[in-house]
Structure formats: structure tokens, C-alpha cells
PDB file of N, CA and C in Angstrom:
ATOM      1  N   MET A   1      85.750-146.556 -54.994  1.00  0.00           N
ATOM      2  CA  MET A   1      85.330-145.487 -55.446  1.00  0.00           C
ATOM      3  C   MET A   1      84.423-144.871 -54.022  1.00  0.00           C
ATOM      4  N   ALA A   2      83.909-145.589 -53.373  1.00  0.00           N
ATOM      5  CA  ALA A   2      83.561-145.121 -51.976  1.00  0.00           C
ATOM      6  C   ALA A   2      84.372-144.351 -50.937  1.00  0.00           C
ATOM      7  N   GLU A   3      85.564-145.454 -51.114  1.00  0.00           N
ATOM      8  CA  GLU A   3      86.522-144.752 -50.142  1.00  0.00           C
ATOM      9  C   GLU A   3      86.887-143.671 -50.596  1.00  0.00           C
ATOM     10  N   GLN A   4      87.277-143.176 -51.698  1.00  0.00           N
ATOM     11  CA  GLN A   4      88.641-142.075 -52.080  1.00  0.00           C
ATOM     12  C   GLN A   4      87.330-140.671 -51.571  1.00  0.00           C
ATOM     13  N   SER A   5      85.746-141.120 -51.804  1.00  0.00           N
ATOM     14  CA  SER A   5      85.078-140.021 -51.528  1.00  0.00           C
ATOM     15  C   SER A   5      84.731-139.507 -50.085  1.00  0.00           C
ATOM     16  N   SER A   6      85.141-140.650 -49.286  1.00  0.00           N
ATOM     17  CA  SER A   6      84.751-140.377 -47.546  1.00  0.00           C
ATOM     18  C   SER A   6      86.180-139.612 -47.196  1.00  0.00           C
ATOM     19  N   ASN A   7      87.511-139.963 -48.228  1.00  0.00           N
ATOM     20  CA  ASN A   7      88.642-139.537 -47.536  1.00  0.00           C
ATOM     21  C   ASN A   7      89.192-137.802 -48.013  1.00  0.00           C
ATOM     22  N   LYS A   8      87.972-137.904 -48.866  1.00  0.00           N
ATOM     23  CA  LYS A   8      87.895-136.066 -49.162  1.00  0.00           C
ATOM     24  C   LYS A   8      88.066-135.162 -47.790  1.00  0.00           C
ATOM     25  N   PHE A   9      88.402-134.390 -48.050  1.00  0.00           N
ATOM     26  CA  PHE A   9      88.707-133.154 -47.536  1.00  0.00           C
ATOM     27  C   PHE A   9      87.518-131.343 -47.560  1.00  0.00           C
ATOM     28  N   HIS A  10      86.606-131.779 -46.604  1.00  0.00           N
ATOM     29  CA  HIS A  10      85.595-130.874 -47.432  1.00  0.00           C
ATOM     30  C   HIS A  10      85.253-130.020 -46.348  1.00  0.00           C
ATOM     31  N   PHE A  11      84.696-128.350 -46.608  1.00  0.00           N
ATOM     32  CA  PHE A  11      84.236-127.455 -45.633  1.00  0.00           C
ATOM     33  C   PHE A  11      82.525-127.558 -45.622  1.00  0.00           C
ATOM     34  N   GLU A  12      82.017-127.687 -44.220  1.00  0.00           N
ATOM     35  CA  GLU A  12      80.580-127.059 -43.673  1.00  0.00           C
ATOM     36  C   GLU A  12      80.356-125.984 -44.395  1.00  0.00           C
ATOM     37  N   LYS A  13      79.200-126.190 -45.028  1.00  0.00           N
ATOM     38  CA  LYS A  13      78.564-124.924 -45.490  1.00  0.00           C
ATOM     39  C   LYS A  13      77.661-124.063 -44.529  1.00  0.00           C
ATOM     40  N   THR A  14      77.442-124.677 -43.268  1.00  0.00           N
ATOM     41  CA  THR A  14      76.602-123.970 -42.133  1.00  0.00           C
ATOM     42  C   THR A  14      77.515-123.035 -41.139  1.00  0.00           C
ATOM     43  N   LEU A  15      76.834-121.863 -40.659  1.00  0.00           N
ATOM     44  CA  LEU A  15      77.859-120.895 -39.811  1.00  0.00           C
ATOM     45  C   LEU A  15      77.144-121.472 -38.490  1.00  0.00           C
ATOM     46  N   ASN A  16      78.622-121.615 -37.435  1.00  0.00           N
ATOM     47  CA  ASN A  16      78.215-122.362 -35.804  1.00  0.00           C
ATOM     48  C   ASN A  16      78.072-121.020 -35.127  1.00  0.00           C
ATOM     49  N   ILE A  17      77.036-120.501 -34.408  1.00  0.00           N
ATOM     50  CA  ILE A  17      76.970-119.179 -33.610  1.00  0.00           C
ATOM     51  C   ILE A  17      78.035-119.184 -32.645  1.00  0.00           C
ATOM     52  N   GLY A  18      78.628-120.505 -32.312  1.00  0.00           N
ATOM     53  CA  GLY A  18      80.021-119.891 -31.310  1.00  0.00           C
ATOM     54  C   GLY A  18      80.832-119.777 -31.808  1.00  0.00           C
ATOM     55  N   HIS A  19      81.016-119.549 -32.974  1.00  0.00           N
ATOM     56  CA  HIS A  19      81.981-119.572 -34.015  1.00  0.00           C
ATOM     57  C   HIS A  19      82.053-117.945 -34.209  1.00  0.00           C
ATOM     58  N   LEU A  20      80.979-117.394 -34.334  1.00  0.00           N
ATOM     59  CA  LEU A  20      80.332-116.193 -34.828  1.00  0.00           C
ATOM     60  C   LEU A  20      80.584-114.980 -33.513  1.00  0.00           C
ATOM     61  N   LEU A  21      79.940-115.885 -32.345  1.00  0.00           N
ATOM     62  CA  LEU A  21      80.013-115.305 -31.027  1.00  0.00           C
ATOM     63  C   LEU A  21      81.777-115.122 -30.927  1.00  0.00           C
ATOM     64  N   THR A  22      82.709-115.635 -31.315  1.00  0.00           N
ATOM     65  CA  THR A  22      84.027-115.908 -30.820  1.00  0.00           C
ATOM     66  C   THR A  22      84.687-115.307 -30.854  1.00  0.00           C
ATOM     67  N   THR A  23      83.876-114.702 -32.921  1.00  0.00           N
ATOM     68  CA  THR A  23      84.615-114.246 -33.452  1.00  0.00           C
ATOM     69  C   THR A  23      84.767-112.600 -32.933  1.00  0.00           C
ATOM     70  N   ALA A  24      83.169-111.950 -32.589  1.00  0.00           N
ATOM     71  CA  ALA A  24      82.536-110.636 -32.335  1.00  0.00           C
ATOM     72  C   ALA A  24      83.653-110.535 -30.983  1.00  0.00           C
ATOM     73  N   VAL A  25      83.129-111.517 -30.035  1.00  0.00           N
ATOM     74  CA  VAL A  25      83.947-110.983 -28.981  1.00  0.00           C
ATOM     75  C   VAL A  25      85.917-111.164 -28.821  1.00  0.00           C
ATOM     76  N   LEU A  26      86.055-111.770 -29.714  1.00  0.00           N
ATOM     77  CA  LEU A  26      87.645-111.298 -30.212  1.00  0.00           C
ATOM     78  C   LEU A  26      87.768-109.847 -30.839  1.00  0.00           C
ATOM     79  N   ILE A  27      87.010-109.565 -31.914  1.00  0.00           N
ATOM     80  CA  ILE A  27      87.257-108.177 -32.401  1.00  0.00           C
ATOM     81  C   ILE A  27      87.018-107.398 -31.354  1.00  0.00           C
ATOM     82  N   VAL A  28      85.854-107.636 -30.863  1.00  0.00           N
ATOM     83  CA  VAL A  28      85.380-106.296 -29.637  1.00  0.00           C
ATOM     84  C   VAL A  28      87.020-106.397 -28.629  1.00  0.00           C
ATOM     85  N   SER A  29      87.228-107.434 -28.177  1.00  0.00           N
ATOM     86  CA  SER A  29      88.432-106.887 -27.702  1.00  0.00           C
ATOM     87  C   SER A  29      89.729-106.766 -27.930  1.00  0.00           C
ATOM     88  N   VAL A  30      90.065-107.100 -29.561  1.00  0.00           N
ATOM     89  CA  VAL A  30      90.833-106.025 -29.527  1.00  0.00           C
ATOM     90  C   VAL A  30      91.105-104.586 -30.007  1.00  0.00           C
ATOM     91  N   THR A  31      89.802-104.319 -30.475  1.00  0.00           N
ATOM     92  CA  THR A  31      89.422-103.065 -30.727  1.00  0.00           C
ATOM     93  C   THR A  31      89.454-101.990 -29.098  1.00  0.00           C
ATOM     94  N   ILE A  32      88.952-102.898 -28.111  1.00  0.00           N
ATOM     95  CA  ILE A  32      89.035-102.433 -26.806  1.00  0.00           C
ATOM     96  C   ILE A  32      90.812-101.867 -26.748  1.00  0.00           C
ATOM     97  N   TYR A  33      91.093-102.512 -26.627  1.00  0.00           N
ATOM     98  CA  TYR A  33      92.895-102.671 -26.391  1.00  0.00           C
ATOM     99  C   TYR A  33      93.392-101.932 -27.234  1.00  0.00           C
ATOM    100  N   VAL A  34      93.245-101.730 -28.026  1.00  0.00           N
ATOM    101  CA  VAL A  34      93.939-100.734 -28.684  1.00  0.00           C
ATOM    102  C   VAL A  34      93.816 -99.467 -28.388  1.00  0.00           C
ATOM    103  N   MET A  35      92.314 -99.050 -28.315  1.00  0.00           N
ATOM    104  CA  MET A  35      91.895 -97.991 -27.734  1.00  0.00           C
ATOM    105  C   MET A  35      92.680 -97.466 -26.919  1.00  0.00           C
ATOM    106  N   GLN A  36      92.778 -98.666 -25.892  1.00  0.00           N
ATOM    107  CA  GLN A  36      93.664 -98.297 -24.236  1.00  0.00           C
ATOM    108  C   GLN A  36      94.811 -97.629 -24.761  1.00  0.00           C
ATOM    109  N   ILE A  37      95.530 -98.742 -25.365  1.00  0.00           N
ATOM    110  CA  ILE A  37      96.826 -97.930 -26.074  1.00  0.00           C
ATOM    111  C   ILE A  37      96.851 -97.032 -26.528  1.00  0.00           C
ATOM    112  N   GLU A  38      95.947 -96.120 -27.142  1.00  0.00           N
ATOM    113  CA  GLU A  38      95.996 -94.764 -27.931  1.00  0.00           C
ATOM    114  C   GLU A  38      96.008 -93.945 -27.019  1.00  0.00           C
ATOM    115  N   SER A  39      94.962 -94.155 -25.685  1.00  0.00           N
ATOM    116  CA  SER A  39      94.639 -93.589 -24.945  1.00  0.00           C
ATOM    117  C   SER A  39      95.808 -93.317 -23.929  1.00  0.00           C
ATOM    118  N   ARG A  40      96.810 -94.512 -23.875  1.00  0.00           N
ATOM    119  CA  ARG A  40      98.031 -94.055 -22.853  1.00  0.00           C
ATOM    120  C   ARG A  40      98.800 -93.560 -23.247  1.00  0.00           C
ATOM    121  N   ILE A  41      99.314 -93.742 -24.540  1.00  0.00           N
ATOM    122  CA  ILE A  41     100.132 -92.957 -25.502  1.00  0.00           C
ATOM    123  C   ILE A  41      99.538 -91.595 -25.459  1.00  0.00           C
ATOM    124  N   ASN A  42      98.634 -90.939 -25.255  1.00  0.00           N
ATOM    125  CA  ASN A  42      98.104 -89.857 -25.478  1.00  0.00           C
ATOM    126  C   ASN A  42      98.664 -88.904 -23.761  1.00  0.00           C
ATOM    127  N   VAL A  43      98.367 -90.132 -23.086  1.00  0.00           N
ATOM    128  CA  VAL A  43      98.112 -89.182 -21.721  1.00  0.00           C
ATOM    129  C   VAL A  43     100.566 -89.557 -21.206  1.00  0.00           C
ATOM    130  N   MET A  44     100.979 -90.448 -22.410  1.00  0.00           N
ATOM    131  CA  MET A  44     102.581 -90.121 -22.111  1.00  0.00           C
ATOM    132  C   MET A  44     103.011 -88.904 -22.958  1.00  0.00           C
ATOM    133  N   GLU A  45     102.300 -88.565 -23.979  1.00  0.00           N
ATOM    134  CA  GLU A  45     102.817 -87.410 -24.740  1.00  0.00           C
ATOM    135  C   GLU A  45     102.409 -86.351 -24.336  1.00  0.00           C
ATOM    136  N   VAL A  46     101.390 -86.052 -23.214  1.00  0.00           N
ATOM    137  CA  VAL A  46     101.012 -84.948 -22.567  1.00  0.00           C
ATOM    138  C   VAL A  46     102.205 -84.849 -21.825  1.00  0.00           C
ATOM    139  N   THR A  47     102.426 -85.821 -20.882  1.00  0.00           N
ATOM    140  CA  THR A  47     103.114 -86.373 -19.858  1.00  0.00           C
ATOM    141  C   THR A  47     104.519 -85.438 -19.797  1.00  0.00           C
ATOM    142  N   GLN A  48     104.866 -85.935 -21.178  1.00  0.00           N
ATOM    143  CA  GLN A  48     106.126 -85.412 -21.727  1.00  0.00           C
ATOM    144  C   GLN A  48     106.442 -83.972 -21.897  1.00  0.00           C
ATOM    145  N   HIS A  49     105.559 -83.520 -22.639  1.00  0.00           N
ATOM    146  CA  HIS A  49     105.372 -81.942 -23.067  1.00  0.00           C
ATOM    147  C   HIS A  49     105.006 -81.364 -21.939  1.00  0.00           C
ATOM    148  N   ASN A  50     105.054 -81.831 -20.960  1.00  0.00           N
ATOM    149  CA  ASN A  50     105.080 -81.136 -19.863  1.00  0.00           C
ATOM    150  C   ASN A  50     106.259 -81.318 -18.710  1.00  0.00           C
ATOM    151  N   MET A  51     106.670 -82.589 -18.555  1.00  0.00           N
ATOM    152  CA  MET A  51     107.805 -82.609 -18.168  1.00  0.00           C
ATOM    153  C   MET A  51     109.104 -81.530 -19.159  1.00  0.00           C
ATOM    154  N   SER A  52     109.018 -81.655 -19.899  1.00  0.00           N
ATOM    155  CA  SER A  52     109.845 -80.948 -21.366  1.00  0.00           C
ATOM    156  C   SER A  52     109.542 -79.143 -20.846  1.00  0.00           C
ATOM    157  N   LEU A  53     108.567 -78.588 -20.908  1.00  0.00           N
ATOM    158  CA  LEU A  53     108.084 -77.344 -19.913  1.00  0.00           C
ATOM    159  C   LEU A  53     109.012 -76.921 -18.557  1.00  0.00           C
ATOM    160  N   ARG A  54     108.631 -78.056 -17.843  1.00  0.00           N
ATOM    161  CA  ARG A  54     109.098 -78.035 -16.357  1.00  0.00           C
ATOM    162  C   ARG A  54     110.577 -77.888 -16.222  1.00  0.00           C
ATOM    163  N   ILE A  55     111.307 -78.848 -17.290  1.00  0.00           N
ATOM    164  CA  ILE A  55     112.910 -79.180 -17.247  1.00  0.00           C
ATOM    165  C   ILE A  55     113.226 -77.300 -17.833  1.00  0.00           C
ATOM    166  N   ASP A  56     112.647 -76.533 -18.967  1.00  0.00           N
ATOM    167  CA  ASP A  56     113.100 -75.515 -19.730  1.00  0.00           C
ATOM    168  C   ASP A  56     112.824 -74.069 -18.029  1.00  0.00           C
ATOM    169  N   ARG A  57     111.689 -74.314 -17.538  1.00  0.00           N
ATOM    170  CA  ARG A  57     111.686 -73.201 -16.682  1.00  0.00           C
ATOM    171  C   ARG A  57     112.610 -73.703 -15.719  1.00  0.00           C
ATOM    172  N   GLU A  58     112.876 -74.668 -15.200  1.00  0.00           N
ATOM    173  CA  GLU A  58     113.945 -75.138 -14.139  1.00  0.00           C
ATOM    174  C   GLU A  58     115.542 -74.727 -14.559  1.00  0.00           C
ATOM    175  N   SER A  59     115.854 -74.934 -15.700  1.00  0.00           N
ATOM    176  CA  SER A  59     117.127 -74.534 -16.709  1.00  0.00           C
ATOM    177  C   SER A  59     116.847 -72.701 -16.439  1.00  0.00           C
ATOM    178  N   GLY A  60     115.667 -72.311 -16.821  1.00  0.00           N
ATOM    179  CA  GLY A  60     115.833 -70.983 -16.801  1.00  0.00           C
ATOM    180  C   GLY A  60     116.063 -70.538 -15.385  1.00  0.00           C
ATOM    181  N   ARG A  61     115.739 -70.959 -14.363  1.00  0.00           N
ATOM    182  CA  ARG A  61     115.810 -70.394 -12.877  1.00  0.00           C
ATOM    183  C   ARG A  61     117.378 -70.919 -12.431  1.00  0.00           C
ATOM    184  N   THR A  62     117.865 -71.813 -12.798  1.00  0.00           N
ATOM    185  CA  THR A  62     118.999 -72.639 -12.358  1.00  0.00           C
ATOM    186  C   THR A  62     120.145 -71.082 -13.321  1.00  0.00           C
ATOM    187  N   GLU A  63     119.797 -71.013 -14.564  1.00  0.00           N
ATOM    188  CA  GLU A  63     120.909 -70.112 -14.750  1.00  0.00           C
ATOM    189  C   GLU A  63     120.961 -68.417 -14.667  1.00  0.00           C
ATOM    190  N   ALA A  64     119.375 -68.399 -13.503  1.00  0.00           N
ATOM    191  CA  ALA A  64     119.070 -67.165 -13.113  1.00  0.00           C
ATOM    192  C   ALA A  64     120.293 -66.689 -11.843  1.00  0.00           C
ATOM    193  N   THR A  65     119.806 -67.882 -10.815  1.00  0.00           N
ATOM    194  CA  THR A  65     120.218 -68.092  -9.811  1.00  0.00           C
ATOM    195  C   THR A  65     121.938 -68.000  -9.813  1.00  0.00           C
ATOM    196  N   LEU A  66     122.461 -68.694 -10.719  1.00  0.00           N
ATOM    197  CA  LEU A  66     123.944 -68.962 -10.851  1.00  0.00           C
ATOM    198  C   LEU A  66     124.978 -67.370 -11.717  1.00  0.00           C
ATOM    199  N   ALA A  67     123.679 -66.727 -12.002  1.00  0.00           N
ATOM    200  CA  ALA A  67     124.312 -65.640 -12.714  1.00  0.00           C
ATOM    201  C   ALA A  67     124.212 -64.666 -10.841  1.00  0.00           C
ATOM    202  N   LYS A  68     123.047 -64.607 -10.415  1.00  0.00           N
ATOM    203  CA  LYS A  68     123.564 -63.916  -9.279  1.00  0.00           C
ATOM    204  C   LYS A  68     124.540 -63.933  -8.147  1.00  0.00           C
ATOM    205  N   ILE A  69     124.614 -65.357  -8.114  1.00  0.00           N
ATOM    206  CA  ILE A  69     125.945 -66.024  -7.134  1.00  0.00           C
ATOM    207  C   ILE A  69     127.006 -65.416  -7.905  1.00  0.00           C
ATOM    208  N   GLU A  70     127.592 -65.597  -9.004  1.00  0.00           N
ATOM    209  CA  GLU A  70     128.718 -65.165  -9.565  1.00  0.00           C
ATOM    210  C   GLU A  70     128.753 -63.715  -9.574  1.00  0.00           C
ATOM    211  N   ARG A  71     127.482 -62.783  -9.602  1.00  0.00           N
ATOM    212  CA  ARG A  71     127.573 -61.396  -9.405  1.00  0.00           C
ATOM    213  C   ARG A  71     128.262 -60.985  -7.690  1.00  0.00           C
ATOM    214  N   TYR A  72     127.187 -61.893  -6.848  1.00  0.00           N
ATOM    215  CA  TYR A  72     127.563 -61.758  -5.292  1.00  0.00           C
ATOM    216  C   TYR A  72     129.276 -62.081  -4.971  1.00  0.00           C
ATOM    217  N   LEU A  73     130.122 -63.033  -5.773  1.00  0.00           N
ATOM    218  CA  LEU A  73     131.395 -63.517  -5.425  1.00  0.00           C
ATOM    219  C   LEU A  73     132.133 -62.426  -6.641  1.00  0.00           C
ATOM    220  N   GLN A  74     131.877 -61.922  -7.070  1.00  0.00           N
ATOM    221  CA  GLN A  74     132.652 -60.508  -8.187  1.00  0.00           C
ATOM    222  C   GLN A  74     132.593 -59.243  -6.875  1.00  0.00           C
ATOM    223  N   ARG A  75     131.110 -59.363  -6.811  1.00  0.00           N
ATOM    224  CA  ARG A  75     131.382 -58.008  -5.217  1.00  0.00           C
ATOM    225  C   ARG A  75     132.548 -58.872  -3.854  1.00  0.00           C
ATOM    226  N   ILE A  76     132.258 -59.629  -3.396  1.00  0.00           N
ATOM    227  CA  ILE A  76     133.215 -60.239  -2.816  1.00  0.00           C
ATOM    228  C   ILE A  76     134.476 -60.183  -3.098  1.00  0.00           C
ATOM    229  N   GLU A  77     135.050 -60.120  -4.418  1.00  0.00           N
ATOM    230  CA  GLU A  77     136.270 -60.335  -4.985  1.00  0.00           C
ATOM    231  C   GLU A  77     136.922 -58.589  -4.735  1.00  0.00           C
ATOM    232  N   ASP A  78     135.733 -58.167  -5.417  1.00  0.00           N
ATOM    233  CA  ASP A  78     136.019 -56.827  -5.372  1.00  0.00           C
ATOM    234  C   ASP A  78     136.100 -55.960  -3.594  1.00  0.00           C
ATOM    235  N   LYS A  79     135.499 -56.279  -3.113  1.00  0.00           N
ATOM    236  CA  LYS A  79     135.508 -55.895  -1.716  1.00  0.00           C
ATOM    237  C   LYS A  79     137.153 -56.489  -1.386  1.00  0.00           C
ATOM    238  N   LEU A  80     137.429 -57.535  -1.371  1.00  0.00           N
ATOM    239  CA  LEU A  80     138.632 -58.259  -0.854  1.00  0.00           C
ATOM    240  C   LEU A  80     139.983 -57.851  -1.764  1.00  0.00           C
ATOM    241  N   ASP A  81     139.840 -57.373  -2.756  1.00  0.00           N
ATOM    242  CA  ASP A  81     141.213 -56.466  -3.657  1.00  0.00           C
ATOM    243  C   ASP A  81     141.310 -54.796  -2.675  1.00  0.00           C
ATOM    244  N   ARG A  82     140.008 -54.329  -2.465  1.00  0.00           N
ATOM    245  CA  ARG A  82     139.860 -53.220  -1.915  1.00  0.00           C
ATOM    246  C   ARG A  82     140.471 -53.516  -0.773  1.00  0.00           C
ATOM    247  N   LYS A  83     140.581 -54.319  -0.068  1.00  0.00           N
ATOM    248  CA  LYS A  83     140.876 -54.441   1.360  1.00  0.00           C
ATOM    249  C   LYS A  83     142.629 -54.819   1.443  1.00  0.00           C
ATOM    250  N   ALA A  84     142.732 -55.271   0.542  1.00  0.00           N
ATOM    251  CA  ALA A  84     143.693 -56.057   0.650  1.00  0.00           C
ATOM    252  C   ALA A  84     145.261 -54.835  -0.574  1.00  0.00           C
ATOM    253  N   ASP A  85     144.305 -53.971  -0.978  1.00  0.00           N
ATOM    254  CA  ASP A  85     145.516 -52.468  -1.118  1.00  0.00           C
ATOM    255  C   ASP A  85     145.502 -51.626  -0.529  1.00  0.00           C
ATOM    256  N   ARG A  86     144.582 -51.342   0.524  1.00  0.00           N
ATOM    257  CA  ARG A  86     144.849 -50.393   1.560  1.00  0.00           C
ATOM    258  C   ARG A  86     145.992 -50.764   2.770  1.00  0.00           C
ATOM    259  N   PRO A  87     146.905 -49.767   3.043  1.00  0.00           N
ATOM    260  CA  PRO A  87     148.327 -50.203   3.878  1.00  0.00           C
ATOM    261  C   PRO A  87     147.988 -50.187   4.705  1.00  0.00           C
TER     262      PRO A  87
END
């Protein structure tokens, strides 16, 4: 009977200070890690928004420039047509 009681698995009811400190450090580390990830995500969201605005501005400028080029080409074409019509 004494052999059976010594082979039983049991938990100690005491708390080890090392385990408590390790758990606390782990919780703090995970919290800091998650906060850093959130701050990086916020930075990336702001960067993406700024890039989107920049792309929109560049697109508008490009369209305006192409419109100018088309007008210049039309003027050149009109001048060439007038020269070709002269005898």
C-alpha cells in the first residue's frame, strides 16, 4: 500500500517566486510586443493613406499634362493642314 501512494501524481500547493516572476515577465513581454505591432500597423495605415493621396495628385497632374500635349499636337496638326492647303 505504501508503494501505491508514492507513485501517485500530486500538485504542490506552494507558489514558487521564480514561476511568478517568469509569468509576469512573459505577460509584460507579450503586451509590449503587441503594442509595438499595433503602432507599426498605425504607421503603415498612415503611410498607405499618404501614398494614396500622392498617387491621386500625380494622376491628376498626368491627365492635365496629357491634355496640354493633345492641345499642342492639335495646333501643330492644324498648322500643317493649313500649310498643305496653300498652293
